[in-house]
Amino acid sequence: TYYADSVKGRFTISRENAKNTVYL
């Protein structure tokens, strides 16, 4: 994962392979 400095520690990106879905 990679994050902008403005959102580090507050936002989390993830993916769920079985659902072909990315979350924020």
mmCIF file of all heavy atoms, coordinates in Angstrom:
data_MODEL
# 
_entry.id   MODEL 
# 
loop_
_atom_site.group_PDB 
_atom_site.id 
_atom_site.type_symbol 
_atom_site.label_atom_id 
_atom_site.label_alt_id 
_atom_site.label_comp_id 
_atom_site.label_asym_id 
_atom_site.label_entity_id 
_atom_site.label_seq_id 
_atom_site.pdbx_PDB_ins_code 
_atom_site.Cartn_x 
_atom_site.Cartn_y 
_atom_site.Cartn_z 
_atom_site.occupancy 
_atom_site.B_iso_or_equiv 
_atom_site.pdbx_formal_charge 
_atom_site.auth_seq_id 
_atom_site.auth_comp_id 
_atom_site.auth_asym_id 
_atom_site.auth_atom_id 
_atom_site.pdbx_PDB_model_num 
ATOM 1   N N   . THR A 1 1  ? 0.813   -1.214  0.000   1.00 0.00 ? 1  THR A N   1 
ATOM 2   C CA  . THR A 1 1  ? 0.000   0.000   0.000   1.00 0.00 ? 1  THR A CA  1 
ATOM 3   C C   . THR A 1 1  ? 0.844   1.261   0.000   1.00 0.00 ? 1  THR A C   1 
ATOM 4   O O   . THR A 1 1  ? 1.995   1.267   0.435   1.00 0.00 ? 1  THR A O   1 
ATOM 5   C CB  . THR A 1 1  ? -0.933  0.027   1.216   1.00 0.00 ? 1  THR A CB  1 
ATOM 6   O OG1 . THR A 1 1  ? -0.153  -0.059  2.415   1.00 0.00 ? 1  THR A OG1 1 
ATOM 7   C CG2 . THR A 1 1  ? -1.907  -1.134  1.179   1.00 0.00 ? 1  THR A CG2 1 
ATOM 8   N N   . TYR A 1 2  ? 0.223   2.340   -0.466  1.00 0.00 ? 2  TYR A N   1 
ATOM 9   C CA  . TYR A 1 2  ? 0.855   3.651   -0.526  1.00 0.00 ? 2  TYR A CA  1 
ATOM 10  C C   . TYR A 1 2  ? -0.182  4.689   -0.117  1.00 0.00 ? 2  TYR A C   1 
ATOM 11  O O   . TYR A 1 2  ? -1.358  4.573   -0.451  1.00 0.00 ? 2  TYR A O   1 
ATOM 12  C CB  . TYR A 1 2  ? 1.357   3.948   -1.937  1.00 0.00 ? 2  TYR A CB  1 
ATOM 13  C CG  . TYR A 1 2  ? 2.231   2.859   -2.519  1.00 0.00 ? 2  TYR A CG  1 
ATOM 14  C CD1 . TYR A 1 2  ? 1.661   1.787   -3.199  1.00 0.00 ? 2  TYR A CD1 1 
ATOM 15  C CD2 . TYR A 1 2  ? 3.617   2.902   -2.389  1.00 0.00 ? 2  TYR A CD2 1 
ATOM 16  C CE1 . TYR A 1 2  ? 2.454   0.777   -3.722  1.00 0.00 ? 2  TYR A CE1 1 
ATOM 17  C CE2 . TYR A 1 2  ? 4.412   1.900   -2.909  1.00 0.00 ? 2  TYR A CE2 1 
ATOM 18  C CZ  . TYR A 1 2  ? 3.831   0.840   -3.580  1.00 0.00 ? 2  TYR A CZ  1 
ATOM 19  O OH  . TYR A 1 2  ? 4.619   -0.155  -4.096  1.00 0.00 ? 2  TYR A OH  1 
ATOM 20  N N   . TYR A 1 3  ? 0.263   5.726   0.598   1.00 0.00 ? 3  TYR A N   1 
ATOM 21  C CA  . TYR A 1 3  ? -0.652  6.748   1.078   1.00 0.00 ? 3  TYR A CA  1 
ATOM 22  C C   . TYR A 1 3  ? -0.087  8.143   0.904   1.00 0.00 ? 3  TYR A C   1 
ATOM 23  O O   . TYR A 1 3  ? 1.119   8.357   1.009   1.00 0.00 ? 3  TYR A O   1 
ATOM 24  C CB  . TYR A 1 3  ? -0.966  6.548   2.560   1.00 0.00 ? 3  TYR A CB  1 
ATOM 25  C CG  . TYR A 1 3  ? -1.693  5.269   2.873   1.00 0.00 ? 3  TYR A CG  1 
ATOM 26  C CD1 . TYR A 1 3  ? -1.003  4.136   3.275   1.00 0.00 ? 3  TYR A CD1 1 
ATOM 27  C CD2 . TYR A 1 3  ? -3.088  5.199   2.774   1.00 0.00 ? 3  TYR A CD2 1 
ATOM 28  C CE1 . TYR A 1 3  ? -1.667  2.953   3.562   1.00 0.00 ? 3  TYR A CE1 1 
ATOM 29  C CE2 . TYR A 1 3  ? -3.754  4.020   3.063   1.00 0.00 ? 3  TYR A CE2 1 
ATOM 30  C CZ  . TYR A 1 3  ? -3.040  2.903   3.455   1.00 0.00 ? 3  TYR A CZ  1 
ATOM 31  O OH  . TYR A 1 3  ? -3.708  1.733   3.743   1.00 0.00 ? 3  TYR A OH  1 
ATOM 32  N N   . ALA A 1 4  ? -0.983  9.093   0.665   1.00 0.00 ? 4  ALA A N   1 
ATOM 33  C CA  . ALA A 1 4  ? -0.601  10.491  0.700   1.00 0.00 ? 4  ALA A CA  1 
ATOM 34  C C   . ALA A 1 4  ? -0.345  10.882  2.144   1.00 0.00 ? 4  ALA A C   1 
ATOM 35  O O   . ALA A 1 4  ? -0.970  10.353  3.063   1.00 0.00 ? 4  ALA A O   1 
ATOM 36  C CB  . ALA A 1 4  ? -1.709  11.358  0.106   1.00 0.00 ? 4  ALA A CB  1 
ATOM 37  N N   . ASP A 1 5  ? 0.571   11.817  2.356   1.00 0.00 ? 5  ASP A N   1 
ATOM 38  C CA  . ASP A 1 5  ? 0.905   12.243  3.717   1.00 0.00 ? 5  ASP A CA  1 
ATOM 39  C C   . ASP A 1 5  ? -0.308  12.770  4.472   1.00 0.00 ? 5  ASP A C   1 
ATOM 40  O O   . ASP A 1 5  ? -0.421  12.592  5.688   1.00 0.00 ? 5  ASP A O   1 
ATOM 41  C CB  . ASP A 1 5  ? 1.992   13.314  3.682   1.00 0.00 ? 5  ASP A CB  1 
ATOM 42  C CG  . ASP A 1 5  ? 3.341   12.772  3.259   1.00 0.00 ? 5  ASP A CG  1 
ATOM 43  O OD1 . ASP A 1 5  ? 3.553   11.547  3.362   1.00 0.00 ? 5  ASP A OD1 1 
ATOM 44  O OD2 . ASP A 1 5  ? 4.194   13.572  2.832   1.00 0.00 ? 5  ASP A OD2 1 
ATOM 45  N N   . SER A 1 6  ? -1.221  13.388  3.774   1.00 0.00 ? 6  SER A N   1 
ATOM 46  C CA  . SER A 1 6  ? -2.381  14.005  4.401   1.00 0.00 ? 6  SER A CA  1 
ATOM 47  C C   . SER A 1 6  ? -3.362  13.006  5.007   1.00 0.00 ? 6  SER A C   1 
ATOM 48  O O   . SER A 1 6  ? -4.192  13.387  5.841   1.00 0.00 ? 6  SER A O   1 
ATOM 49  C CB  . SER A 1 6  ? -3.118  14.889  3.390   1.00 0.00 ? 6  SER A CB  1 
ATOM 50  O OG  . SER A 1 6  ? -3.560  14.129  2.278   1.00 0.00 ? 6  SER A OG  1 
ATOM 51  N N   . VAL A 1 7  ? -3.272  11.733  4.605   1.00 0.00 ? 7  VAL A N   1 
ATOM 52  C CA  . VAL A 1 7  ? -4.222  10.741  5.102   1.00 0.00 ? 7  VAL A CA  1 
ATOM 53  C C   . VAL A 1 7  ? -3.570  9.599   5.863   1.00 0.00 ? 7  VAL A C   1 
ATOM 54  O O   . VAL A 1 7  ? -4.280  8.727   6.387   1.00 0.00 ? 7  VAL A O   1 
ATOM 55  C CB  . VAL A 1 7  ? -5.078  10.161  3.953   1.00 0.00 ? 7  VAL A CB  1 
ATOM 56  C CG1 . VAL A 1 7  ? -5.770  11.282  3.188   1.00 0.00 ? 7  VAL A CG1 1 
ATOM 57  C CG2 . VAL A 1 7  ? -4.222  9.310   3.017   1.00 0.00 ? 7  VAL A CG2 1 
ATOM 58  N N   . LYS A 1 8  ? -2.264  9.589   5.967   1.00 0.00 ? 8  LYS A N   1 
ATOM 59  C CA  . LYS A 1 8  ? -1.564  8.525   6.684   1.00 0.00 ? 8  LYS A CA  1 
ATOM 60  C C   . LYS A 1 8  ? -2.024  8.456   8.138   1.00 0.00 ? 8  LYS A C   1 
ATOM 61  O O   . LYS A 1 8  ? -2.126  9.463   8.819   1.00 0.00 ? 8  LYS A O   1 
ATOM 62  C CB  . LYS A 1 8  ? -0.053  8.750   6.640   1.00 0.00 ? 8  LYS A CB  1 
ATOM 63  C CG  . LYS A 1 8  ? 0.584   8.445   5.306   1.00 0.00 ? 8  LYS A CG  1 
ATOM 64  C CD  . LYS A 1 8  ? 2.093   8.646   5.356   1.00 0.00 ? 8  LYS A CD  1 
ATOM 65  C CE  . LYS A 1 8  ? 2.736   8.316   4.022   1.00 0.00 ? 8  LYS A CE  1 
ATOM 66  N NZ  . LYS A 1 8  ? 4.201   8.559   4.043   1.00 0.00 ? 8  LYS A NZ  1 
ATOM 67  N N   . GLY A 1 9  ? -2.312  7.243   8.589   1.00 0.00 ? 9  GLY A N   1 
ATOM 68  C CA  . GLY A 1 9  ? -2.780  7.047   9.945   1.00 0.00 ? 9  GLY A CA  1 
ATOM 69  C C   . GLY A 1 9  ? -4.276  7.196   10.105  1.00 0.00 ? 9  GLY A C   1 
ATOM 70  O O   . GLY A 1 9  ? -4.825  6.834   11.154  1.00 0.00 ? 9  GLY A O   1 
ATOM 71  N N   . ARG A 1 10 ? -4.955  7.711   9.092   1.00 0.00 ? 10 ARG A N   1 
ATOM 72  C CA  . ARG A 1 10 ? -6.402  7.910   9.158   1.00 0.00 ? 10 ARG A CA  1 
ATOM 73  C C   . ARG A 1 10 ? -7.158  7.061   8.143   1.00 0.00 ? 10 ARG A C   1 
ATOM 74  O O   . ARG A 1 10 ? -8.259  6.589   8.427   1.00 0.00 ? 10 ARG A O   1 
ATOM 75  C CB  . ARG A 1 10 ? -6.750  9.383   8.932   1.00 0.00 ? 10 ARG A CB  1 
ATOM 76  C CG  . ARG A 1 10 ? -6.137  10.327  9.957   1.00 0.00 ? 10 ARG A CG  1 
ATOM 77  C CD  . ARG A 1 10 ? -6.702  11.739  9.827   1.00 0.00 ? 10 ARG A CD  1 
ATOM 78  N NE  . ARG A 1 10 ? -6.442  12.318  8.508   1.00 0.00 ? 10 ARG A NE  1 
ATOM 79  C CZ  . ARG A 1 10 ? -7.392  12.692  7.647   1.00 0.00 ? 10 ARG A CZ  1 
ATOM 80  N NH1 . ARG A 1 10 ? -8.675  12.549  7.967   1.00 0.00 ? 10 ARG A NH1 1 
ATOM 81  N NH2 . ARG A 1 10 ? -7.069  13.225  6.480   1.00 0.00 ? 10 ARG A NH2 1 
ATOM 82  N N   . PHE A 1 11 ? -6.588  6.881   6.962   1.00 0.00 ? 11 PHE A N   1 
ATOM 83  C CA  . PHE A 1 11 ? -7.233  6.116   5.893   1.00 0.00 ? 11 PHE A CA  1 
ATOM 84  C C   . PHE A 1 11 ? -6.522  4.782   5.703   1.00 0.00 ? 11 PHE A C   1 
ATOM 85  O O   . PHE A 1 11 ? -5.303  4.676   5.877   1.00 0.00 ? 11 PHE A O   1 
ATOM 86  C CB  . PHE A 1 11 ? -7.188  6.876   4.571   1.00 0.00 ? 11 PHE A CB  1 
ATOM 87  C CG  . PHE A 1 11 ? -8.059  8.104   4.510   1.00 0.00 ? 11 PHE A CG  1 
ATOM 88  C CD1 . PHE A 1 11 ? -8.659  8.622   5.644   1.00 0.00 ? 11 PHE A CD1 1 
ATOM 89  C CD2 . PHE A 1 11 ? -8.268  8.738   3.296   1.00 0.00 ? 11 PHE A CD2 1 
ATOM 90  C CE1 . PHE A 1 11 ? -9.453  9.756   5.585   1.00 0.00 ? 11 PHE A CE1 1 
ATOM 91  C CE2 . PHE A 1 11 ? -9.060  9.872   3.222   1.00 0.00 ? 11 PHE A CE2 1 
ATOM 92  C CZ  . PHE A 1 11 ? -9.652  10.379  4.356   1.00 0.00 ? 11 PHE A CZ  1 
ATOM 93  N N   . THR A 1 12 ? -7.279  3.761   5.308   1.00 0.00 ? 12 THR A N   1 
ATOM 94  C CA  . THR A 1 12 ? -6.718  2.454   5.018   1.00 0.00 ? 12 THR A CA  1 
ATOM 95  C C   . THR A 1 12 ? -7.307  1.912   3.723   1.00 0.00 ? 12 THR A C   1 
ATOM 96  O O   . THR A 1 12 ? -8.527  1.840   3.581   1.00 0.00 ? 12 THR A O   1 
ATOM 97  C CB  . THR A 1 12 ? -6.996  1.455   6.149   1.00 0.00 ? 12 THR A CB  1 
ATOM 98  O OG1 . THR A 1 12 ? -6.439  1.937   7.375   1.00 0.00 ? 12 THR A OG1 1 
ATOM 99  C CG2 . THR A 1 12 ? -6.359  0.103   5.828   1.00 0.00 ? 12 THR A CG2 1 
ATOM 100 N N   . ILE A 1 13 ? -6.445  1.525   2.792   1.00 0.00 ? 13 ILE A N   1 
ATOM 101 C CA  . ILE A 1 13 ? -6.898  0.914   1.551   1.00 0.00 ? 13 ILE A CA  1 
ATOM 102 C C   . ILE A 1 13 ? -6.713  -0.593  1.656   1.00 0.00 ? 13 ILE A C   1 
ATOM 103 O O   . ILE A 1 13 ? -5.722  -1.074  2.215   1.00 0.00 ? 13 ILE A O   1 
ATOM 104 C CB  . ILE A 1 13 ? -6.142  1.478   0.328   1.00 0.00 ? 13 ILE A CB  1 
ATOM 105 C CG1 . ILE A 1 13 ? -6.744  0.934   -0.974  1.00 0.00 ? 13 ILE A CG1 1 
ATOM 106 C CG2 . ILE A 1 13 ? -4.651  1.172   0.407   1.00 0.00 ? 13 ILE A CG2 1 
ATOM 107 C CD1 . ILE A 1 13 ? -6.198  1.608   -2.233  1.00 0.00 ? 13 ILE A CD1 1 
ATOM 108 N N   . SER A 1 14 ? -7.659  -1.344  1.135   1.00 0.00 ? 14 SER A N   1 
ATOM 109 C CA  . SER A 1 14 ? -7.580  -2.796  1.169   1.00 0.00 ? 14 SER A CA  1 
ATOM 110 C C   . SER A 1 14 ? -8.327  -3.378  -0.018  1.00 0.00 ? 14 SER A C   1 
ATOM 111 O O   . SER A 1 14 ? -9.049  -2.662  -0.716  1.00 0.00 ? 14 SER A O   1 
ATOM 112 C CB  . SER A 1 14 ? -8.155  -3.351  2.475   1.00 0.00 ? 14 SER A CB  1 
ATOM 113 O OG  . SER A 1 14 ? -9.529  -3.029  2.601   1.00 0.00 ? 14 SER A OG  1 
ATOM 114 N N   . ARG A 1 15 ? -8.133  -4.673  -0.257  1.00 0.00 ? 15 ARG A N   1 
ATOM 115 C CA  . ARG A 1 15 ? -8.873  -5.327  -1.332  1.00 0.00 ? 15 ARG A CA  1 
ATOM 116 C C   . ARG A 1 15 ? -9.383  -6.675  -0.855  1.00 0.00 ? 15 ARG A C   1 
ATOM 117 O O   . ARG A 1 15 ? -8.782  -7.329  0.002   1.00 0.00 ? 15 ARG A O   1 
ATOM 118 C CB  . ARG A 1 15 ? -8.020  -5.464  -2.595  1.00 0.00 ? 15 ARG A CB  1 
ATOM 119 C CG  . ARG A 1 15 ? -7.173  -6.730  -2.719  1.00 0.00 ? 15 ARG A CG  1 
ATOM 120 C CD  . ARG A 1 15 ? -5.996  -6.721  -1.805  1.00 0.00 ? 15 ARG A CD  1 
ATOM 121 N NE  . ARG A 1 15 ? -4.935  -7.618  -2.271  1.00 0.00 ? 15 ARG A NE  1 
ATOM 122 C CZ  . ARG A 1 15 ? -4.063  -8.212  -1.479  1.00 0.00 ? 15 ARG A CZ  1 
ATOM 123 N NH1 . ARG A 1 15 ? -4.102  -7.993  -0.154  1.00 0.00 ? 15 ARG A NH1 1 
ATOM 124 N NH2 . ARG A 1 15 ? -3.117  -9.003  -1.993  1.00 0.00 ? 15 ARG A NH2 1 
ATOM 125 N N   . GLU A 1 16 ? -10.511 -7.097  -1.416  1.00 0.00 ? 16 GLU A N   1 
ATOM 126 C CA  . GLU A 1 16 ? -11.102 -8.385  -1.128  1.00 0.00 ? 16 GLU A CA  1 
ATOM 127 C C   . GLU A 1 16 ? -11.160 -9.142  -2.448  1.00 0.00 ? 16 GLU A C   1 
ATOM 128 O O   . GLU A 1 16 ? -12.032 -8.893  -3.277  1.00 0.00 ? 16 GLU A O   1 
ATOM 129 C CB  . GLU A 1 16 ? -12.487 -8.229  -0.513  1.00 0.00 ? 16 GLU A CB  1 
ATOM 130 C CG  . GLU A 1 16 ? -13.052 -9.519  0.032   1.00 0.00 ? 16 GLU A CG  1 
ATOM 131 C CD  . GLU A 1 16 ? -14.288 -9.310  0.883   1.00 0.00 ? 16 GLU A CD  1 
ATOM 132 O OE1 . GLU A 1 16 ? -14.667 -8.146  1.118   1.00 0.00 ? 16 GLU A OE1 1 
ATOM 133 O OE2 . GLU A 1 16 ? -14.875 -10.300 1.329   1.00 0.00 ? 16 GLU A OE2 1 
ATOM 134 N N   . ASN A 1 17 ? -10.240 -10.072 -2.627  1.00 0.00 ? 17 ASN A N   1 
ATOM 135 C CA  . ASN A 1 17 ? -10.074 -10.764 -3.898  1.00 0.00 ? 17 ASN A CA  1 
ATOM 136 C C   . ASN A 1 17 ? -11.344 -11.460 -4.390  1.00 0.00 ? 17 ASN A C   1 
ATOM 137 O O   . ASN A 1 17 ? -11.686 -11.385 -5.569  1.00 0.00 ? 17 ASN A O   1 
ATOM 138 C CB  . ASN A 1 17 ? -8.948  -11.796 -3.796  1.00 0.00 ? 17 ASN A CB  1 
ATOM 139 C CG  . ASN A 1 17 ? -7.600  -11.165 -3.517  1.00 0.00 ? 17 ASN A CG  1 
ATOM 140 O OD1 . ASN A 1 17 ? -7.499  -10.138 -2.837  1.00 0.00 ? 17 ASN A OD1 1 
ATOM 141 N ND2 . ASN A 1 17 ? -6.541  -11.773 -4.040  1.00 0.00 ? 17 ASN A ND2 1 
ATOM 142 N N   . ALA A 1 18 ? -12.028 -12.152 -3.494  1.00 0.00 ? 18 ALA A N   1 
ATOM 143 C CA  . ALA A 1 18 ? -13.201 -12.927 -3.872  1.00 0.00 ? 18 ALA A CA  1 
ATOM 144 C C   . ALA A 1 18 ? -14.334 -12.064 -4.408  1.00 0.00 ? 18 ALA A C   1 
ATOM 145 O O   . ALA A 1 18 ? -15.182 -12.550 -5.154  1.00 0.00 ? 18 ALA A O   1 
ATOM 146 C CB  . ALA A 1 18 ? -13.688 -13.758 -2.695  1.00 0.00 ? 18 ALA A CB  1 
ATOM 147 N N   . LYS A 1 19 ? -14.358 -10.800 -4.040  1.00 0.00 ? 19 LYS A N   1 
ATOM 148 C CA  . LYS A 1 19 ? -15.426 -9.900  -4.472  1.00 0.00 ? 19 LYS A CA  1 
ATOM 149 C C   . LYS A 1 19 ? -14.990 -8.895  -5.524  1.00 0.00 ? 19 LYS A C   1 
ATOM 150 O O   . LYS A 1 19 ? -15.787 -8.058  -5.944  1.00 0.00 ? 19 LYS A O   1 
ATOM 151 C CB  . LYS A 1 19 ? -15.999 -9.153  -3.269  1.00 0.00 ? 19 LYS A CB  1 
ATOM 152 C CG  . LYS A 1 19 ? -16.734 -10.039 -2.273  1.00 0.00 ? 19 LYS A CG  1 
ATOM 153 C CD  . LYS A 1 19 ? -17.390 -9.200  -1.185  1.00 0.00 ? 19 LYS A CD  1 
ATOM 154 C CE  . LYS A 1 19 ? -18.198 -10.074 -0.244  1.00 0.00 ? 19 LYS A CE  1 
ATOM 155 N NZ  . LYS A 1 19 ? -18.863 -9.259  0.809   1.00 0.00 ? 19 LYS A NZ  1 
ATOM 156 N N   . ASN A 1 20 ? -13.729 -8.967  -5.945  1.00 0.00 ? 20 ASN A N   1 
ATOM 157 C CA  . ASN A 1 20 ? -13.202 -7.990  -6.898  1.00 0.00 ? 20 ASN A CA  1 
ATOM 158 C C   . ASN A 1 20 ? -13.506 -6.567  -6.449  1.00 0.00 ? 20 ASN A C   1 
ATOM 159 O O   . ASN A 1 20 ? -13.969 -5.729  -7.230  1.00 0.00 ? 20 ASN A O   1 
ATOM 160 C CB  . ASN A 1 20 ? -13.784 -8.231  -8.301  1.00 0.00 ? 20 ASN A CB  1 
ATOM 161 C CG  . ASN A 1 20 ? -13.047 -9.309  -9.067  1.00 0.00 ? 20 ASN A CG  1 
ATOM 162 O OD1 . ASN A 1 20 ? -12.283 -10.092 -8.502  1.00 0.00 ? 20 ASN A OD1 1 
ATOM 163 N ND2 . ASN A 1 20 ? -13.275 -9.365  -10.377 1.00 0.00 ? 20 ASN A ND2 1 
ATOM 164 N N   . THR A 1 21 ? -13.231 -6.309  -5.193  1.00 0.00 ? 21 THR A N   1 
ATOM 165 C CA  . THR A 1 21 ? -13.589 -5.031  -4.603  1.00 0.00 ? 21 THR A CA  1 
ATOM 166 C C   . THR A 1 21 ? -12.419 -4.415  -3.840  1.00 0.00 ? 21 THR A C   1 
ATOM 167 O O   . THR A 1 21 ? -11.680 -5.119  -3.148  1.00 0.00 ? 21 THR A O   1 
ATOM 168 C CB  . THR A 1 21 ? -14.781 -5.187  -3.648  1.00 0.00 ? 21 THR A CB  1 
ATOM 169 O OG1 . THR A 1 21 ? -15.896 -5.727  -4.368  1.00 0.00 ? 21 THR A OG1 1 
ATOM 170 C CG2 . THR A 1 21 ? -15.183 -3.850  -3.052  1.00 0.00 ? 21 THR A CG2 1 
ATOM 171 N N   . VAL A 1 22 ? -12.274 -3.110  -3.989  1.00 0.00 ? 22 VAL A N   1 
ATOM 172 C CA  . VAL A 1 22 ? -11.279 -2.341  -3.258  1.00 0.00 ? 22 VAL A CA  1 
ATOM 173 C C   . VAL A 1 22 ? -12.004 -1.403  -2.302  1.00 0.00 ? 22 VAL A C   1 
ATOM 174 O O   . VAL A 1 22 ? -13.029 -0.820  -2.657  1.00 0.00 ? 22 VAL A O   1 
ATOM 175 C CB  . VAL A 1 22 ? -10.383 -1.537  -4.215  1.00 0.00 ? 22 VAL A CB  1 
ATOM 176 C CG1 . VAL A 1 22 ? -9.355  -0.732  -3.432  1.00 0.00 ? 22 VAL A CG1 1 
ATOM 177 C CG2 . VAL A 1 22 ? -9.687  -2.464  -5.192  1.00 0.00 ? 22 VAL A CG2 1 
ATOM 178 N N   . TYR A 1 23 ? -11.463 -1.245  -1.104  1.00 0.00 ? 23 TYR A N   1 
ATOM 179 C CA  . TYR A 1 23 ? -12.091 -0.409  -0.094  1.00 0.00 ? 23 TYR A CA  1 
ATOM 180 C C   . TYR A 1 23 ? -11.174 0.728   0.326   1.00 0.00 ? 23 TYR A C   1 
ATOM 181 O O   . TYR A 1 23 ? -9.951  0.628   0.245   1.00 0.00 ? 23 TYR A O   1 
ATOM 182 C CB  . TYR A 1 23 ? -12.440 -1.225  1.151   1.00 0.00 ? 23 TYR A CB  1 
ATOM 183 C CG  . TYR A 1 23 ? -13.333 -2.404  0.893   1.00 0.00 ? 23 TYR A CG  1 
ATOM 184 C CD1 . TYR A 1 23 ? -12.799 -3.683  0.766   1.00 0.00 ? 23 TYR A CD1 1 
ATOM 185 C CD2 . TYR A 1 23 ? -14.711 -2.248  0.782   1.00 0.00 ? 23 TYR A CD2 1 
ATOM 186 C CE1 . TYR A 1 23 ? -13.618 -4.774  0.535   1.00 0.00 ? 23 TYR A CE1 1 
ATOM 187 C CE2 . TYR A 1 23 ? -15.529 -3.336  0.550   1.00 0.00 ? 23 TYR A CE2 1 
ATOM 188 C CZ  . TYR A 1 23 ? -14.984 -4.595  0.429   1.00 0.00 ? 23 TYR A CZ  1 
ATOM 189 O OH  . TYR A 1 23 ? -15.799 -5.676  0.194   1.00 0.00 ? 23 TYR A OH  1 
ATOM 190 N N   . LEU A 1 24 ? -11.791 1.798   0.781   1.00 0.00 ? 24 LEU A N   1 
ATOM 191 C CA  . LEU A 1 24 ? -11.062 2.882   1.410   1.00 0.00 ? 24 LEU A CA  1 
ATOM 192 C C   . LEU A 1 24 ? -11.773 3.193   2.716   1.00 0.00 ? 24 LEU A C   1 
ATOM 193 O O   . LEU A 1 24 ? -12.858 3.782   2.718   1.00 0.00 ? 24 LEU A O   1 
ATOM 194 C CB  . LEU A 1 24 ? -11.008 4.129   0.526   1.00 0.00 ? 24 LEU A CB  1 
ATOM 195 C CG  . LEU A 1 24 ? -10.189 5.291   1.104   1.00 0.00 ? 24 LEU A CG  1 
ATOM 196 C CD1 . LEU A 1 24 ? -8.699  4.920   1.139   1.00 0.00 ? 24 LEU A CD1 1 
ATOM 197 C CD2 . LEU A 1 24 ? -10.382 6.564   0.278   1.00 0.00 ? 24 LEU A CD2 1 
# 
